[in-house]
Amino acid sequence: VIKNYVENQGNQEEKEAYQQMKILDF
C-alpha cells in the first residue's frame, strides 16, 4: 500500500525517503 502510494503520488523527495524506509522493512 505504501509502495503504491509513493509510486503514484510521491514526489521525488518522498520517493527518496521511501527508498531509505525499505531498508527498515517498510
Protein backbone atom coordinates (compact mmCIF):
# COMPACT_ATOMS: atom_id res chain seq x y z
CA VAL A 1 0.00 0.00 0.00
CA ILE A 2 2.75 2.42 0.94
CA LYS A 3 4.73 1.45 -2.15
CA ASN A 4 1.77 2.06 -4.43
CA TYR A 5 1.08 5.40 -2.80
CA VAL A 6 4.66 6.55 -3.24
CA GLU A 7 4.82 5.38 -6.84
CA ASN A 8 1.51 7.00 -7.75
CA GLN A 9 1.55 10.21 -5.72
CA GLY A 10 5.00 10.59 -4.18
CA ASN A 11 7.23 13.40 -5.31
CA GLN A 12 10.98 12.89 -5.66
CA GLU A 13 11.62 13.70 -2.01
CA GLU A 14 9.05 11.14 -0.88
CA LYS A 15 10.47 8.51 -3.22
CA GLU A 16 13.94 9.03 -1.74
CA ALA A 17 12.53 8.73 1.77
CA TYR A 18 10.75 5.52 0.75
CA GLN A 19 13.99 4.06 -0.58
CA GLN A 20 15.51 4.59 2.87
CA MET A 21 12.44 3.18 4.63
CA LYS A 22 12.67 -0.04 2.61
CA ILE A 23 15.91 -0.75 4.45
CA LEU A 24 13.80 -0.83 7.63
CA ASP A 25 11.37 -3.34 6.05
CA PHE A 26 8.65 -0.81 5.41
